[in-house]
C-alpha atoms as a PDB file:
ATOM      1  CA  ALA A   1     -11.121-105.152  -8.922  1.00  0.00           C
ATOM      2  CA  ARG A   2     -14.524-103.775  -9.955  1.00  0.00           C
ATOM      3  CA  GLN A   3     -15.878-107.118 -11.096  1.00  0.00           C
ATOM      4  CA  TYR A   4     -14.832-108.749  -7.824  1.00  0.00           C
ATOM      5  CA  LYS A   5     -17.190-106.467  -5.923  1.00  0.00           C
ATOM      6  CA  THR A   6     -20.163-107.611  -8.002  1.00  0.00           C
ATOM      7  CA  ALA A   7     -19.285-111.322  -7.938  1.00  0.00           C
ATOM      8  CA  THR A   8     -21.051-113.626  -5.514  1.00  0.00           C
ATOM      9  CA  PRO A   9     -19.031-115.313  -2.761  1.00  0.00           C
ATOM     10  CA  GLU A  10     -19.387-118.610  -4.662  1.00  0.00           C
ATOM     11  CA  GLN A  11     -18.048-117.010  -7.871  1.00  0.00           C
ATOM     12  CA  ARG A  12     -15.136-115.507  -5.953  1.00  0.00           C
ATOM     13  CA  ALA A  13     -14.247-118.897  -4.486  1.00  0.00           C
ATOM     14  CA  ARG A  14     -14.511-120.650  -7.876  1.00  0.00           C
ATOM     15  CA  PHE A  15     -12.402-117.994  -9.575  1.00  0.00           C
ATOM     16  CA  GLY A  16      -9.810-118.242  -6.804  1.00  0.00           C
ATOM     17  CA  GLU A  17      -9.452-121.961  -7.462  1.00  0.00           C
ATOM     18  CA  VAL A  18      -9.319-121.564 -11.250  1.00  0.00           C
ATOM     19  CA  PHE A  19      -6.834-118.713 -10.938  1.00  0.00           C
ATOM     20  CA  LYS A  20      -4.586-120.693  -8.578  1.00  0.00           C
ATOM     21  CA  LYS A  21      -4.587-123.723 -10.889  1.00  0.00           C
ATOM     22  CA  SER A  22      -3.829-121.572 -13.934  1.00  0.00           C
ATOM     23  CA  LEU A  23      -0.871-119.957 -12.134  1.00  0.00           C
ATOM     24  CA  ILE A  24       0.490-123.358 -11.150  1.00  0.00           C
ATOM     25  CA  ARG A  25       0.202-124.589 -14.743  1.00  0.00           C
ATOM     26  CA  ALA A  26       1.677-121.405 -16.190  1.00  0.00           C
ATOM     27  CA  TYR A  27       4.631-121.088 -13.822  1.00  0.00           C
ATOM     28  CA  GLY A  28       5.094-124.628 -12.566  1.00  0.00           C
ATOM     29  CA  SER A  29       6.990-125.652 -15.685  1.00  0.00           C
ATOM     30  CA  ALA A  30       9.448-122.788 -15.152  1.00  0.00           C
ATOM     31  CA  LEU A  31      10.096-123.977 -11.607  1.00  0.00           C
ATOM     32  CA  ALA A  32      10.465-127.553 -12.799  1.00  0.00           C
ATOM     33  CA  ASN A  33      13.217-126.392 -15.149  1.00  0.00           C
ATOM     34  CA  TYR A  34      15.238-124.879 -12.283  1.00  0.00           C
ATOM     35  CA  ASN A  35      18.867-125.674 -12.969  1.00  0.00           C
ATOM     36  CA  ASP A  36      21.672-123.852 -11.170  1.00  0.00           C
ATOM     37  CA  GLN A  37      20.148-120.364 -11.300  1.00  0.00           C
ATOM     38  CA  LYS A  38      21.365-117.965  -8.642  1.00  0.00           C
ATOM     39  CA  PHE A  39      18.752-116.197  -6.502  1.00  0.00           C
ATOM     40  CA  VAL A  40      19.767-113.091  -4.559  1.00  0.00           C
ATOM     41  CA  VAL A  41      17.391-111.248  -2.243  1.00  0.00           C
ATOM     42  CA  LEU A  42      18.473-107.619  -2.294  1.00  0.00           C
ATOM     43  CA  PRO A  43      18.606-105.462   0.841  1.00  0.00           C
ATOM     44  CA  PRO A  44      15.485-103.356   1.381  1.00  0.00           C
ATOM     45  CA  GLY A  45      15.535 -99.835   0.036  1.00  0.00           C
ATOM     46  CA  ARG A  46      13.954 -96.747   1.504  1.00  0.00           C
ATOM     47  CA  GLY A  47      10.200 -97.200   1.669  1.00  0.00           C
ATOM     48  CA  ASP A  48      10.366-100.958   0.986  1.00  0.00           C
ATOM     49  CA  VAL A  49       9.246-101.952   4.491  1.00  0.00           C
ATOM     50  CA  GLU A  50       6.286-100.704   6.505  1.00  0.00           C
ATOM     51  CA  ALA A  51       4.456-102.245   9.453  1.00  0.00           C
ATOM     52  CA  ASP A  52       1.995-104.176   7.285  1.00  0.00           C
ATOM     53  CA  ARG A  53       3.509-103.937   3.769  1.00  0.00           C
ATOM     54  CA  ALA A  54       6.848-104.787   2.230  1.00  0.00           C
ATOM     55  CA  THR A  55       8.526-104.975  -1.150  1.00  0.00           C
ATOM     56  CA  VAL A  56      11.019-107.791  -1.612  1.00  0.00           C
ATOM     57  CA  ASN A  57      13.437-107.293  -4.492  1.00  0.00           C
ATOM     58  CA  MET A  58      15.361-110.166  -6.029  1.00  0.00           C
ATOM     59  CA  GLU A  59      17.716-110.846  -8.871  1.00  0.00           C
ATOM     60  CA  VAL A  60      17.757-114.214 -10.579  1.00  0.00           C
ATOM     61  CA  THR A  61      20.884-114.965 -12.580  1.00  0.00           C
ATOM     62  CA  MET A  62      20.485-117.654 -15.206  1.00  0.00           C
ATOM     63  CA  ARG A  63      23.255-120.041 -16.227  1.00  0.00           C
ATOM     64  CA  ASP A  64      23.957-117.923 -19.314  1.00  0.00           C
ATOM     65  CA  GLY A  65      24.461-114.817 -17.133  1.00  0.00           C
ATOM     66  CA  THR A  66      21.127-113.173 -17.903  1.00  0.00           C
ATOM     67  CA  VAL A  67      19.822-111.356 -14.820  1.00  0.00           C
ATOM     68  CA  TYR A  68      16.097-110.958 -14.177  1.00  0.00           C
ATOM     69  CA  LYS A  69      14.794-108.457 -11.627  1.00  0.00           C
ATOM     70  CA  ILE A  70      11.744-109.470  -9.606  1.00  0.00           C
ATOM     71  CA  SER A  71       9.796-107.441  -7.033  1.00  0.00           C
ATOM     72  CA  TYR A  72       7.259-109.019  -4.720  1.00  0.00           C
ATOM     73  CA  ALA A  73       4.662-106.761  -3.068  1.00  0.00           C
ATOM     74  CA  MET A  74       3.672-108.349   0.232  1.00  0.00           C
ATOM     75  CA  TYR A  75       1.102-107.492   2.907  1.00  0.00           C
ATOM     76  CA  LEU A  76       0.494-108.691   6.445  1.00  0.00           C
ATOM     77  CA  ASN A  77      -2.985-110.169   6.757  1.00  0.00           C
ATOM     78  CA  GLU A  78      -5.253-110.094   9.808  1.00  0.00           C
ATOM     79  CA  GLN A  79      -3.945-113.488  10.945  1.00  0.00           C
ATOM     80  CA  GLY A  80      -0.375-112.159  11.010  1.00  0.00           C
ATOM     81  CA  ALA A  81       0.827-114.025   7.908  1.00  0.00           C
ATOM     82  CA  TRP A  82       2.649-112.340   5.033  1.00  0.00           C
ATOM     83  CA  LYS A  83       0.838-112.782   1.713  1.00  0.00           C
ATOM     84  CA  LEU A  84       1.859-112.043  -1.862  1.00  0.00           C
ATOM     85  CA  GLU A  85      -0.129-109.172  -3.307  1.00  0.00           C
ATOM     86  CA  ASN A  86       1.648-108.568  -6.607  1.00  0.00           C
ATOM     87  CA  LEU A  87       4.691-109.526  -8.609  1.00  0.00           C
ATOM     88  CA  VAL A  88       6.650-107.389 -11.049  1.00  0.00           C
ATOM     89  CA  LEU A  89       9.003-109.315 -13.330  1.00  0.00           C
ATOM     90  CA  GLU A  90      11.425-107.230 -15.388  1.00  0.00           C
ATOM     91  CA  GLY A  91       9.052-104.269 -15.201  1.00  0.00           C
ATOM     92  CA  VAL A  92       5.963-106.286 -16.169  1.00  0.00           C
ATOM     93  CA  ASN A  93       3.299-105.926 -13.477  1.00  0.00           C
ATOM     94  CA  LEU A  94       1.703-109.367 -13.402  1.00  0.00           C
ATOM     95  CA  GLY A  95      -1.139-108.257 -11.128  1.00  0.00           C
ATOM     96  CA  MET A  96      -2.117-105.532 -13.585  1.00  0.00           C
ATOM     97  CA  THR A  97      -1.740-107.940 -16.502  1.00  0.00           C
ATOM     98  CA  TYR A  98      -4.132-110.453 -14.923  1.00  0.00           C
ATOM     99  CA  ARG A  99      -6.615-107.720 -13.929  1.00  0.00           C
ATOM    100  CA  ASN A 100      -6.615-106.396 -17.503  1.00  0.00           C
ATOM    101  CA  ASN A 101      -7.101-109.916 -18.903  1.00  0.00           C
ATOM    102  CA  PHE A 102     -10.017-110.456 -16.539  1.00  0.00           C
ATOM    103  CA  ALA A 103     -11.620-107.120 -17.485  1.00  0.00           C
ATOM    104  CA  GLU A 104     -11.250-107.950 -21.197  1.00  0.00           C
ATOM    105  CA  MET A 105     -12.925-111.290 -20.664  1.00  0.00           C
ATOM    106  CA  VAL A 106     -15.764-109.715 -18.674  1.00  0.00           C
ATOM    107  CA  GLN A 107     -16.370-107.418 -21.627  1.00  0.00           C
ATOM    108  CA  GLN A 108     -16.006-110.289 -24.128  1.00  0.00           C
ATOM    109  CA  TYR A 109     -18.627-112.357 -22.272  1.00  0.00           C
ATOM    110  CA  GLY A 110     -21.029-109.476 -21.711  1.00  0.00           C
ATOM    111  CA  GLY A 111     -20.401-109.253 -17.977  1.00  0.00           C
ATOM    112  CA  ASP A 112     -21.104-112.952 -17.352  1.00  0.00           C
ATOM    113  CA  ILE A 113     -18.611-113.808 -14.589  1.00  0.00           C
ATOM    114  CA  ASP A 114     -19.492-117.519 -14.793  1.00  0.00           C
ATOM    115  CA  LYS A 115     -18.376-117.604 -18.446  1.00  0.00           C
ATOM    116  CA  VAL A 116     -15.165-115.773 -17.543  1.00  0.00           C
ATOM    117  CA  ILE A 117     -14.424-118.353 -14.856  1.00  0.00           C
ATOM    118  CA  ALA A 118     -15.229-121.221 -17.206  1.00  0.00           C
ATOM    119  CA  ASN A 119     -12.869-119.879 -19.880  1.00  0.00           C
ATOM    120  CA  TRP A 120     -10.074-118.413 -17.725  1.00  0.00           C
ATOM    121  CA  SER A 121      -7.691-121.388 -17.859  1.00  0.00           C
ATOM    122  CA  SER A 122      -7.882-121.686 -21.646  1.00  0.00           C
ATOM    123  CA  ARG A 123      -7.113-117.951 -21.950  1.00  0.00           C
ATOM    124  CA  VAL A 124      -4.055-118.261 -19.690  1.00  0.00           C
ATOM    125  CA  GLU A 125      -2.813-121.280 -21.661  1.00  0.00           C
ATOM    126  CA  ALA A 126      -3.262-119.416 -24.954  1.00  0.00           C
ATOM    127  CA  GLU A 127      -1.324-116.412 -23.606  1.00  0.00           C
ATOM    128  CA  LYS A 128       1.432-118.724 -22.382  1.00  0.00           C
ATOM    129  CA  LYS A 129       1.770-120.340 -25.826  1.00  0.00           C
ATOM    130  CA  LYS A 130       1.928-116.929 -27.543  1.00  0.00           C
ATOM    131  CA  SER A 131       4.711-115.716 -25.247  1.00  0.00           C
ATOM    132  CA  GLY A 132       6.500-118.890 -25.146  1.00  0.00           C
END
């Protein structure tokens, strides 16, 4: 978002790596615990598909019958590959959540992006423990 525009290319690359690793740590354990859940990709609705954007809606049914709704916002990049832009899980916009966390940390560290990057993983782990 705003802070991305002011970050140096090196900071953007470092944050990308830290962010990717934190996502793998945060969500990798959930994938490792996959056990007979049912995944259903729903048919596209009106407005879900455009030439360079698409929304993919899914339902995941757990063994106990609990159903979770997931929406993936996708875009077609310049190389012709579809990329994930955002994920909404049961109404929680994860992209917005991460942007808000980043903005809070920028404020907490007085605008020092390097400190935000250095402390990002520990913040994600702390959030995971609180919710989990």
